N, C-alpha and C. Protein backbone atom coordinates (compact mmCIF):
# COMPACT_ATOMS: atom_id res chain seq x y z
N MET A 1 46.26 -74.81 52.59
CA MET A 1 47.06 -74.55 51.43
C MET A 1 47.18 -75.28 50.15
N LEU A 2 46.64 -76.40 50.19
CA LEU A 2 46.29 -77.47 49.42
C LEU A 2 45.16 -76.87 48.47
N LYS A 3 44.33 -76.06 49.09
CA LYS A 3 43.15 -75.53 48.59
C LYS A 3 43.64 -74.37 47.47
N TYR A 4 44.79 -73.75 48.30
CA TYR A 4 45.54 -72.42 47.09
C TYR A 4 46.19 -73.46 45.89
N LEU A 5 46.93 -74.25 46.25
CA LEU A 5 47.59 -74.82 45.41
C LEU A 5 46.77 -75.49 43.83
N ILE A 6 45.62 -76.09 44.39
CA ILE A 6 44.52 -76.84 43.76
C ILE A 6 44.59 -75.60 42.82
N LEU A 7 43.71 -74.21 43.45
CA LEU A 7 43.25 -73.60 42.64
C LEU A 7 44.26 -72.68 41.78
N LEU A 8 45.50 -72.54 42.20
CA LEU A 8 46.80 -72.19 41.28
C LEU A 8 46.65 -73.24 39.92
N LEU A 9 46.83 -74.33 40.15
CA LEU A 9 47.05 -75.36 38.71
C LEU A 9 45.69 -75.28 38.00
N ILE A 10 44.78 -74.98 38.87
CA ILE A 10 43.33 -74.92 37.56
C ILE A 10 43.55 -73.61 36.64
N PHE A 11 44.25 -72.49 37.48
CA PHE A 11 44.36 -71.39 36.89
C PHE A 11 45.45 -71.36 36.05
N ALA A 12 46.31 -72.11 35.84
CA ALA A 12 47.47 -72.44 35.25
C ALA A 12 46.94 -73.04 34.23
N PHE A 13 46.33 -73.86 34.04
CA PHE A 13 46.04 -74.64 32.67
C PHE A 13 44.64 -74.01 32.08
N ALA A 14 43.64 -73.26 32.67
CA ALA A 14 42.80 -72.66 32.06
C ALA A 14 43.29 -71.63 31.10
N ASN A 15 42.03 -71.45 30.10
CA ASN A 15 42.03 -70.41 28.96
C ASN A 15 41.77 -69.28 29.44
N ILE A 16 43.06 -67.93 29.59
CA ILE A 16 43.38 -67.14 30.28
C ILE A 16 43.77 -65.92 29.76
N ASN A 17 42.73 -65.01 29.74
CA ASN A 17 43.21 -63.62 28.92
C ASN A 17 44.06 -62.80 30.46
N CYS A 18 45.53 -62.42 29.97
CA CYS A 18 45.94 -61.70 31.28
C CYS A 18 46.29 -60.17 30.56
N SER A 19 45.24 -59.41 31.81
CA SER A 19 45.18 -58.12 31.18
C SER A 19 46.73 -57.24 31.16
N SER A 20 46.74 -56.57 30.63
CA SER A 20 47.94 -55.49 30.52
C SER A 20 48.50 -55.27 31.47
N GLN A 21 49.36 -54.47 32.32
CA GLN A 21 50.15 -53.73 32.96
C GLN A 21 50.51 -52.87 32.31
N SER A 22 50.79 -51.59 33.11
CA SER A 22 50.83 -50.13 32.32
C SER A 22 52.32 -50.31 31.72
N ASN A 23 52.57 -49.26 31.22
CA ASN A 23 53.80 -48.94 30.47
C ASN A 23 54.97 -49.02 31.27
N GLY A 24 54.81 -48.29 32.64
CA GLY A 24 55.94 -48.63 33.19
C GLY A 24 57.24 -47.30 33.05
N GLY A 25 56.34 -46.51 32.48
CA GLY A 25 56.75 -45.16 32.24
C GLY A 25 58.34 -44.93 31.76
N ASN A 26 59.29 -45.76 31.86
CA ASN A 26 60.68 -45.65 31.39
C ASN A 26 60.94 -46.79 30.21
N MET A 27 59.94 -47.54 29.93
CA MET A 27 60.12 -48.94 29.16
C MET A 27 60.13 -48.13 27.58
N GLY A 28 59.78 -47.21 27.43
CA GLY A 28 59.79 -46.39 25.99
C GLY A 28 58.62 -47.15 25.39
N SER A 29 58.27 -47.05 23.78
CA SER A 29 56.88 -47.19 23.54
C SER A 29 57.06 -48.10 22.47
N ILE A 30 56.38 -48.96 22.31
CA ILE A 30 56.16 -50.29 21.22
C ILE A 30 56.83 -49.64 19.69
N TYR A 31 56.56 -48.05 19.60
CA TYR A 31 56.77 -47.75 18.14
C TYR A 31 58.70 -47.57 18.34
N ASP A 32 59.23 -47.77 19.26
CA ASP A 32 60.90 -47.71 19.25
C ASP A 32 61.34 -48.93 18.72
N PHE A 33 60.79 -50.36 18.30
CA PHE A 33 61.65 -50.92 18.01
C PHE A 33 61.41 -51.28 16.59
N SER A 34 62.22 -52.01 16.10
CA SER A 34 61.90 -52.42 14.70
C SER A 34 62.49 -54.06 15.01
N ALA A 35 62.38 -54.91 13.62
CA ALA A 35 62.49 -56.03 13.04
C ALA A 35 62.90 -56.41 11.95
N LYS A 36 63.43 -57.12 11.47
CA LYS A 36 63.54 -57.62 10.48
C LYS A 36 62.35 -58.49 9.76
N THR A 37 61.73 -58.36 8.62
CA THR A 37 60.96 -59.16 7.79
C THR A 37 61.41 -60.28 7.53
N ILE A 38 60.49 -61.34 7.15
CA ILE A 38 60.94 -62.52 6.61
C ILE A 38 61.71 -62.47 5.36
N ASP A 39 61.57 -61.59 4.72
CA ASP A 39 62.69 -61.17 3.47
C ASP A 39 63.87 -60.55 3.83
N GLY A 40 64.15 -60.11 5.09
CA GLY A 40 65.14 -59.34 5.32
C GLY A 40 65.52 -58.18 5.66
N LYS A 41 64.03 -57.22 5.60
CA LYS A 41 64.37 -56.13 5.41
C LYS A 41 63.65 -55.04 6.68
N GLU A 42 64.59 -54.34 7.39
CA GLU A 42 64.64 -53.84 8.73
C GLU A 42 63.05 -52.99 8.46
N LYS A 43 62.01 -53.27 9.58
CA LYS A 43 61.03 -52.72 9.47
C LYS A 43 60.79 -52.16 10.85
N SER A 44 60.21 -50.74 11.25
CA SER A 44 60.18 -50.18 12.36
C SER A 44 58.69 -50.35 12.97
N ILE A 45 58.26 -50.57 13.64
CA ILE A 45 57.27 -50.89 14.30
C ILE A 45 56.32 -49.25 14.30
N ALA A 46 57.19 -48.42 14.40
CA ALA A 46 56.09 -46.98 14.18
C ALA A 46 55.73 -46.77 12.93
N ASP A 47 56.20 -48.14 11.88
CA ASP A 47 55.17 -47.94 10.32
C ASP A 47 53.90 -48.11 10.58
N TYR A 48 53.63 -48.81 11.84
CA TYR A 48 52.09 -48.81 12.40
C TYR A 48 51.58 -48.26 13.19
N LYS A 49 51.94 -46.86 13.53
CA LYS A 49 51.28 -46.02 14.39
C LYS A 49 49.62 -45.43 13.58
N GLY A 50 48.91 -45.78 14.69
CA GLY A 50 47.25 -45.50 14.02
C GLY A 50 46.99 -46.86 13.60
N LYS A 51 47.44 -47.83 13.92
CA LYS A 51 46.78 -49.25 13.84
C LYS A 51 46.49 -49.66 15.05
N VAL A 52 45.59 -51.18 14.75
CA VAL A 52 45.48 -52.01 16.18
C VAL A 52 46.43 -52.89 15.58
N LEU A 53 46.94 -53.54 16.49
CA LEU A 53 48.50 -54.73 15.94
C LEU A 53 47.92 -55.93 17.12
N LEU A 54 48.06 -56.97 16.04
CA LEU A 54 47.79 -58.20 17.00
C LEU A 54 49.28 -59.21 16.80
N ILE A 55 50.24 -59.14 18.02
CA ILE A 55 51.30 -59.63 17.62
C ILE A 55 51.12 -60.86 18.05
N VAL A 56 51.72 -62.32 17.33
CA VAL A 56 51.73 -63.32 17.46
C VAL A 56 53.28 -64.23 17.23
N ASN A 57 53.41 -65.23 18.29
CA ASN A 57 54.94 -65.89 18.01
C ASN A 57 54.34 -67.25 17.12
N VAL A 58 54.53 -67.28 16.15
CA VAL A 58 54.19 -68.89 15.41
C VAL A 58 55.01 -69.70 15.15
N ALA A 59 54.40 -70.92 14.68
CA ALA A 59 55.17 -71.73 14.57
C ALA A 59 54.59 -72.84 13.05
N SER A 60 55.13 -73.53 12.22
CA SER A 60 54.42 -74.27 11.58
C SER A 60 54.15 -75.94 11.71
N LYS A 61 54.85 -76.37 12.85
CA LYS A 61 54.59 -77.36 13.08
C LYS A 61 54.24 -77.70 14.73
N CYS A 62 53.14 -77.12 15.00
CA CYS A 62 52.46 -77.08 15.96
C CYS A 62 50.90 -77.38 15.95
N GLY A 63 50.43 -77.61 17.11
CA GLY A 63 49.04 -78.17 17.24
C GLY A 63 48.14 -76.75 16.95
N PHE A 64 48.84 -75.64 17.12
CA PHE A 64 47.94 -74.28 16.94
C PHE A 64 48.17 -73.52 15.33
N THR A 65 48.87 -74.45 14.60
CA THR A 65 49.48 -73.89 13.42
C THR A 65 48.20 -73.70 12.79
N PRO A 66 46.87 -74.46 12.40
CA PRO A 66 45.78 -74.01 12.00
C PRO A 66 45.17 -72.48 12.49
N GLN A 67 45.56 -71.91 13.55
CA GLN A 67 45.23 -70.27 13.72
C GLN A 67 45.79 -69.71 12.75
N TYR A 68 46.44 -69.83 11.68
CA TYR A 68 46.63 -68.98 10.74
C TYR A 68 45.49 -68.96 9.79
N LYS A 69 44.91 -69.82 9.97
CA LYS A 69 43.84 -69.61 9.13
C LYS A 69 42.66 -68.35 9.84
N GLY A 70 42.30 -68.53 10.87
CA GLY A 70 41.76 -67.37 11.67
C GLY A 70 42.40 -66.06 11.76
N LEU A 71 43.65 -66.40 11.62
CA LEU A 71 44.40 -64.98 11.52
C LEU A 71 44.59 -64.11 10.33
N GLU A 72 44.54 -65.13 9.46
CA GLU A 72 44.62 -64.75 7.95
C GLU A 72 42.88 -64.12 7.65
N GLU A 73 42.02 -64.99 8.15
CA GLU A 73 40.55 -64.37 7.99
C GLU A 73 40.24 -62.95 8.75
N LEU A 74 40.62 -63.16 9.91
CA LEU A 74 40.85 -61.22 10.66
C LEU A 74 41.28 -60.42 10.19
N TYR A 75 42.62 -60.69 9.50
CA TYR A 75 43.39 -59.79 8.69
C TYR A 75 42.49 -59.22 7.11
N ARG A 76 42.23 -60.30 6.94
CA ARG A 76 41.29 -60.09 5.48
C ARG A 76 39.96 -58.84 5.71
N LYS A 77 39.42 -59.52 7.20
CA LYS A 77 38.14 -58.80 7.16
C LYS A 77 38.16 -57.47 8.02
N TYR A 78 39.63 -57.14 8.46
CA TYR A 78 39.56 -55.78 9.38
C TYR A 78 40.93 -54.70 8.61
N LYS A 79 41.82 -55.58 7.83
CA LYS A 79 43.11 -54.56 7.78
C LYS A 79 42.21 -53.08 6.84
N ASP A 80 41.43 -53.23 6.20
CA ASP A 80 40.87 -51.78 5.66
C ASP A 80 40.35 -50.88 7.00
N SER A 81 40.24 -51.28 8.38
CA SER A 81 39.59 -50.71 9.41
C SER A 81 40.70 -50.58 9.79
N GLY A 82 41.73 -50.94 9.68
CA GLY A 82 42.96 -50.42 10.30
C GLY A 82 43.68 -51.62 11.51
N LEU A 83 43.68 -52.78 11.32
CA LEU A 83 44.01 -53.49 11.91
C LEU A 83 45.29 -54.57 11.33
N GLU A 84 46.49 -54.75 11.97
CA GLU A 84 47.42 -55.07 11.33
C GLU A 84 47.91 -56.15 12.17
N ILE A 85 48.32 -57.61 11.31
CA ILE A 85 48.64 -58.89 12.27
C ILE A 85 50.41 -58.82 11.92
N LEU A 86 51.20 -58.88 13.08
CA LEU A 86 52.66 -59.36 13.22
C LEU A 86 52.78 -60.46 13.35
N ALA A 87 53.47 -61.60 12.79
CA ALA A 87 53.56 -62.83 12.83
C ALA A 87 55.24 -63.19 13.10
N PHE A 88 55.74 -63.45 14.38
CA PHE A 88 56.87 -63.79 14.41
C PHE A 88 57.50 -65.11 14.56
N PRO A 89 57.83 -65.72 14.01
CA PRO A 89 57.91 -67.35 13.75
C PRO A 89 59.41 -67.67 14.84
N CYS A 90 59.24 -68.91 15.63
CA CYS A 90 59.49 -68.66 16.59
C CYS A 90 60.03 -70.53 16.91
N ASN A 91 61.11 -70.80 17.04
CA ASN A 91 61.45 -72.27 17.42
C ASN A 91 61.82 -72.51 18.75
N GLN A 92 61.28 -71.84 19.34
CA GLN A 92 61.59 -72.08 21.13
C GLN A 92 61.13 -73.08 21.86
N PHE A 93 59.88 -73.37 21.07
CA PHE A 93 58.93 -74.60 21.98
C PHE A 93 58.90 -75.85 21.42
N GLY A 94 59.52 -76.61 21.51
CA GLY A 94 59.07 -78.17 21.02
C GLY A 94 60.13 -78.07 19.67
N GLY A 95 60.64 -76.97 19.20
CA GLY A 95 61.42 -77.28 17.36
C GLY A 95 60.42 -77.47 16.63
N GLN A 96 59.53 -76.38 16.85
CA GLN A 96 58.31 -76.30 16.05
C GLN A 96 58.32 -75.80 14.58
N GLU A 97 59.18 -74.77 15.14
CA GLU A 97 59.53 -74.04 13.43
C GLU A 97 61.16 -74.25 13.12
N PRO A 98 61.41 -75.21 12.52
CA PRO A 98 62.70 -75.48 12.13
C PRO A 98 63.14 -75.24 10.79
N GLY A 99 62.24 -74.50 9.94
CA GLY A 99 62.50 -74.34 8.77
C GLY A 99 63.14 -72.76 8.53
N THR A 100 63.94 -72.58 7.12
CA THR A 100 64.55 -71.14 7.03
C THR A 100 63.27 -70.51 6.85
N ASN A 101 63.92 -69.17 6.57
CA ASN A 101 62.68 -68.19 6.48
C ASN A 101 61.98 -68.45 5.13
N GLU A 102 62.77 -68.77 4.04
CA GLU A 102 62.21 -68.96 2.81
C GLU A 102 61.05 -69.89 3.09
N GLU A 103 61.49 -71.51 3.71
CA GLU A 103 60.69 -72.10 3.85
C GLU A 103 59.37 -71.84 4.67
N ILE A 104 59.33 -70.96 5.57
CA ILE A 104 58.44 -70.33 6.78
C ILE A 104 57.48 -69.93 5.47
N ALA A 105 57.84 -68.51 4.91
CA ALA A 105 57.01 -67.92 3.94
C ALA A 105 56.69 -68.57 3.02
N SER A 106 57.03 -69.89 2.52
CA SER A 106 56.14 -70.69 1.31
C SER A 106 55.19 -71.51 2.03
N PHE A 107 55.62 -71.75 3.16
CA PHE A 107 54.46 -72.64 3.78
C PHE A 107 53.35 -71.91 4.19
N CYS A 108 53.40 -70.44 4.82
CA CYS A 108 52.21 -70.00 5.14
C CYS A 108 51.47 -69.22 3.80
N SER A 109 52.11 -69.16 2.89
CA SER A 109 51.49 -68.87 1.63
C SER A 109 50.46 -70.17 1.13
N ALA A 110 51.45 -71.11 0.95
CA ALA A 110 50.53 -72.50 0.60
C ALA A 110 49.84 -73.15 0.99
N ASN A 111 49.94 -73.07 2.26
CA ASN A 111 48.87 -73.68 3.08
C ASN A 111 47.81 -73.06 3.54
N TYR A 112 48.11 -71.51 3.87
CA TYR A 112 47.06 -70.58 4.76
C TYR A 112 47.04 -69.26 3.74
N GLY A 113 47.44 -69.21 2.67
CA GLY A 113 47.45 -67.48 1.98
C GLY A 113 47.78 -66.58 2.50
N VAL A 114 48.36 -66.41 3.87
CA VAL A 114 48.98 -65.57 4.71
C VAL A 114 49.29 -64.09 3.89
N SER A 115 48.62 -63.11 4.10
CA SER A 115 49.08 -61.89 3.70
C SER A 115 49.31 -60.79 4.28
N PHE A 116 49.26 -61.22 5.55
CA PHE A 116 49.73 -60.57 6.81
C PHE A 116 51.55 -60.44 6.90
N GLN A 117 51.91 -59.44 7.51
CA GLN A 117 53.30 -59.34 7.96
C GLN A 117 54.20 -60.28 8.61
N ILE A 118 54.75 -61.10 7.97
CA ILE A 118 55.55 -62.37 8.86
C ILE A 118 57.11 -61.85 8.94
N PHE A 119 57.50 -62.05 9.88
CA PHE A 119 59.04 -61.17 10.12
C PHE A 119 59.36 -62.42 10.45
N ASP A 120 61.26 -62.06 10.64
CA ASP A 120 62.34 -63.16 10.68
C ASP A 120 62.03 -63.99 12.00
N LYS A 121 62.46 -65.33 12.11
CA LYS A 121 62.54 -66.03 12.93
C LYS A 121 63.29 -65.38 14.30
N ILE A 122 62.80 -65.78 15.36
CA ILE A 122 63.05 -64.81 16.37
C ILE A 122 63.22 -65.71 17.39
N GLU A 123 63.62 -65.29 19.18
CA GLU A 123 63.33 -65.89 20.28
C GLU A 123 62.37 -65.20 20.79
N VAL A 124 61.56 -65.58 21.74
CA VAL A 124 60.69 -64.84 22.82
C VAL A 124 60.74 -64.77 24.23
N ASN A 125 61.45 -65.93 24.21
CA ASN A 125 62.21 -65.94 26.10
C ASN A 125 63.64 -65.97 25.68
N GLY A 126 64.09 -66.03 27.13
CA GLY A 126 65.47 -66.55 27.45
C GLY A 126 66.37 -64.62 27.25
N GLU A 127 67.70 -64.68 27.39
CA GLU A 127 68.58 -63.80 27.26
C GLU A 127 68.38 -63.09 25.79
N ASN A 128 68.54 -64.25 24.74
CA ASN A 128 68.22 -63.93 23.03
C ASN A 128 67.07 -63.33 23.08
N ALA A 129 65.76 -63.45 23.86
CA ALA A 129 64.57 -62.81 23.49
C ALA A 129 64.69 -61.63 22.65
N HIS A 130 64.04 -61.49 21.62
CA HIS A 130 63.55 -60.25 20.74
C HIS A 130 63.41 -58.69 21.53
N PRO A 131 63.87 -57.81 21.58
CA PRO A 131 63.51 -56.40 22.73
C PRO A 131 61.93 -56.48 22.36
N LEU A 132 61.41 -56.27 20.74
CA LEU A 132 59.84 -56.18 21.04
C LEU A 132 59.13 -57.27 21.81
N TYR A 133 60.14 -58.30 22.11
CA TYR A 133 58.99 -59.41 22.99
C TYR A 133 59.20 -59.07 24.29
N LYS A 134 60.54 -58.83 24.89
CA LYS A 134 61.08 -57.79 26.21
C LYS A 134 59.60 -57.37 26.48
N PHE A 135 59.67 -56.11 25.31
CA PHE A 135 58.55 -55.14 25.97
C PHE A 135 57.28 -55.39 26.14
N LEU A 136 57.22 -56.66 25.12
CA LEU A 136 55.49 -56.85 25.40
C LEU A 136 55.30 -57.81 26.71
N LYS A 137 56.08 -58.36 26.70
CA LYS A 137 55.85 -59.33 28.39
C LYS A 137 55.88 -58.38 29.61
N ALA A 138 56.83 -57.10 29.44
CA ALA A 138 56.69 -56.21 30.49
C ALA A 138 55.77 -55.78 30.60
N ASN A 139 54.99 -55.39 29.59
CA ASN A 139 53.40 -55.12 29.45
C ASN A 139 52.36 -55.13 29.56
N ALA A 140 52.53 -56.54 29.42
CA ALA A 140 51.05 -57.49 29.72
C ALA A 140 51.62 -58.97 29.96
N LYS A 141 51.98 -58.82 31.45
CA LYS A 141 51.78 -60.05 32.30
C LYS A 141 51.16 -61.31 32.08
N GLY A 142 52.19 -62.01 32.03
CA GLY A 142 51.73 -63.87 31.73
C GLY A 142 51.12 -64.39 33.19
N PHE A 143 50.55 -65.13 33.06
CA PHE A 143 50.37 -66.16 34.32
C PHE A 143 51.20 -66.79 34.89
N ILE A 144 51.61 -66.61 36.27
CA ILE A 144 52.59 -67.28 37.06
C ILE A 144 53.90 -66.52 36.71
N ASN A 145 54.25 -66.39 35.20
CA ASN A 145 55.26 -65.48 35.11
C ASN A 145 55.36 -64.94 33.99
N ASP A 146 56.08 -64.08 33.81
CA ASP A 146 56.22 -63.43 32.22
C ASP A 146 56.56 -64.02 30.96
N GLU A 147 56.92 -65.30 30.98
CA GLU A 147 57.58 -65.94 30.35
C GLU A 147 56.27 -66.47 29.00
N ILE A 148 56.68 -66.44 27.72
CA ILE A 148 55.60 -66.98 26.71
C ILE A 148 55.91 -68.33 26.92
N LYS A 149 54.62 -69.13 27.17
CA LYS A 149 54.35 -70.19 27.72
C LYS A 149 54.52 -71.38 26.44
N TRP A 150 54.27 -70.63 24.85
CA TRP A 150 54.10 -71.72 23.74
C TRP A 150 53.67 -70.98 22.65
N ASN A 151 53.66 -71.55 21.24
CA ASN A 151 53.33 -70.83 20.20
C ASN A 151 51.97 -70.28 20.11
N PHE A 152 52.12 -69.10 19.54
CA PHE A 152 50.30 -68.27 19.20
C PHE A 152 50.36 -68.02 20.41
N THR A 153 50.83 -67.20 21.09
CA THR A 153 50.70 -66.52 22.52
C THR A 153 50.48 -64.92 21.59
N LYS A 154 49.32 -64.32 21.87
CA LYS A 154 48.70 -63.15 21.31
C LYS A 154 48.95 -61.95 22.11
N PHE A 155 49.57 -61.24 21.68
CA PHE A 155 49.41 -59.46 22.24
C PHE A 155 48.86 -58.57 21.58
N LEU A 156 47.97 -58.04 22.12
CA LEU A 156 46.62 -56.54 21.07
C LEU A 156 47.41 -55.50 21.65
N VAL A 157 47.50 -54.77 20.60
CA VAL A 157 47.88 -53.25 20.66
C VAL A 157 47.09 -52.38 20.46
N ASN A 158 46.52 -51.02 20.59
CA ASN A 158 45.58 -50.38 20.67
C ASN A 158 46.36 -49.11 19.72
N GLN A 159 45.77 -48.54 19.06
CA GLN A 159 46.08 -47.35 18.04
C GLN A 159 47.45 -46.65 18.39
N ASN A 160 46.96 -46.66 19.97
CA ASN A 160 48.11 -45.74 20.83
C ASN A 160 49.47 -46.28 20.80
N GLY A 161 49.70 -47.35 20.90
CA GLY A 161 50.56 -48.03 20.90
C GLY A 161 50.79 -48.77 22.36
N ASP A 162 49.56 -48.80 23.05
CA ASP A 162 49.36 -49.30 24.55
C ASP A 162 49.46 -50.98 24.29
N VAL A 163 49.77 -51.71 25.00
CA VAL A 163 49.46 -53.31 24.83
C VAL A 163 48.58 -53.19 26.03
N VAL A 164 47.20 -53.75 25.68
CA VAL A 164 46.24 -53.71 26.11
C VAL A 164 45.70 -54.94 26.52
N ASP A 165 46.31 -56.12 25.87
CA ASP A 165 45.68 -57.45 26.25
C ASP A 165 46.78 -58.63 25.65
N ARG A 166 46.62 -59.80 26.49
CA ARG A 166 47.94 -60.96 26.31
C ARG A 166 46.48 -61.89 26.25
N PHE A 167 46.60 -62.99 25.15
CA PHE A 167 46.10 -64.05 25.32
C PHE A 167 46.70 -65.10 25.01
N ALA A 168 46.12 -66.35 25.96
CA ALA A 168 47.01 -67.59 25.85
C ALA A 168 47.06 -68.44 24.20
N PRO A 169 47.97 -69.15 24.00
CA PRO A 169 48.19 -69.97 22.92
C PRO A 169 46.76 -70.64 22.38
N GLN A 170 45.89 -71.12 23.31
CA GLN A 170 44.59 -71.72 22.68
C GLN A 170 43.54 -70.87 22.64
N THR A 171 43.84 -69.98 23.13
CA THR A 171 42.79 -68.57 22.80
C THR A 171 42.83 -68.29 21.07
N THR A 172 41.72 -68.68 20.31
CA THR A 172 41.79 -69.00 18.77
C THR A 172 41.71 -67.15 18.36
N PRO A 173 41.98 -66.71 17.42
CA PRO A 173 41.58 -65.55 16.50
C PRO A 173 40.23 -64.91 16.54
N GLU A 174 39.20 -66.18 16.04
CA GLU A 174 38.00 -66.10 16.03
C GLU A 174 37.20 -65.68 17.89
N SER A 175 37.83 -65.79 19.00
CA SER A 175 37.72 -65.68 20.06
C SER A 175 38.28 -63.89 20.16
N ILE A 176 39.07 -63.57 19.49
CA ILE A 176 39.59 -62.27 19.80
C ILE A 176 38.83 -61.41 18.96
N GLU A 177 38.06 -61.64 18.22
CA GLU A 177 37.55 -60.95 16.95
C GLU A 177 36.61 -59.35 18.07
N LYS A 178 36.31 -59.66 18.56
CA LYS A 178 35.20 -58.67 19.40
C LYS A 178 36.32 -57.92 19.98
N HIS A 179 37.62 -57.87 20.19
CA HIS A 179 38.16 -57.43 21.03
C HIS A 179 38.75 -56.23 19.94
N ILE A 180 39.12 -56.94 19.08
CA ILE A 180 39.71 -56.00 17.90
C ILE A 180 38.77 -55.18 17.62
N ALA A 181 37.36 -56.00 17.45
CA ALA A 181 36.41 -54.85 16.71
C ALA A 181 36.17 -53.60 17.61
N GLU A 182 36.08 -54.05 19.27
CA GLU A 182 35.62 -52.84 19.63
C GLU A 182 37.17 -51.96 19.52
N LEU A 183 38.25 -51.90 19.63
CA LEU A 183 39.32 -51.13 19.58
C LEU A 183 39.28 -50.39 18.22
N LEU A 184 38.94 -51.01 17.27
CA LEU A 184 38.57 -50.46 16.07
C LEU A 184 37.73 -49.33 15.76
N LYS A 185 36.81 -49.28 16.56
CA LYS A 185 35.60 -48.33 16.65
C LYS A 185 36.19 -47.01 17.54
N LYS A 186 37.31 -47.14 18.22
CA LYS A 186 38.09 -45.82 19.25
C LYS A 186 38.20 -45.07 18.36
């Protein structure tokens, strides 16, 4: 029993990429959702049909915040090939995204030159979790439970709208590049 507990703890703290589960049939499609952009405009995820999506919950005051640089580099490298990065600020983890939408947009632009789409600040866990994140979590199970563990959890979605992978916060954008490149070849 102790061996299993130790093994479980090792996996819990390891950098694990959790493969997606099936759509569940009755869950609909990722394209059924919409969200407000950082400037308050409603944006349908269906606008991204045919694109590879990397969906990330982000924060400005997190130890993983420097990943914005890697995300922007990926976006600039692959946007003309069909990659879209959708960033969702979230303040649920240690209060690391306390700013207003205007402050978040200014921070991302000034510090990282972010040109990919940033959305309105949302919740990703709990009763008030954004419906898109409920869908993502149901289609790409987390380790131990489905909840988002921290900022910069990443979901990779193929051109057909299938959630194909979930990456832990410590998984860098650079280490996901090969997965993105493979999807873009399809």
